[in-house]
Amino acid sequence: MKNKQKTHKGASKRFKITATGKVMHRSHHIRHLVSNKSKSQLRRLNQPKLLLGKFARKIKKLLGKA
C-alpha cells in the first residue's frame, strides 16, 4: 500500500503558490533593527518576493504541487 505524501508544514507557513504556479515568500531583514533602515528600504522589504530556479521546484515538491 502506497503512503500519501504529506505537506511540509514549515514550508506551508513560509511560502505561497500563486494561481499561475509561482512561489512567493516574505522578505528577510525586516524582523528587527528596523529603526536603522530607511523608509524606502522597509517598503521594498515588505513586498512579497518571487522564488526562481531549483529552489522553487524544491519548495513546490515540499508543498505537494510538483
Foldseek 3Di string as FASTA:
>chain_A
DDDDQDADVVLVVAWDADPVGWIKGQAPPQPDPPVVDDPVVNVVRGDIDTDDDPVSVVSCVNGVND
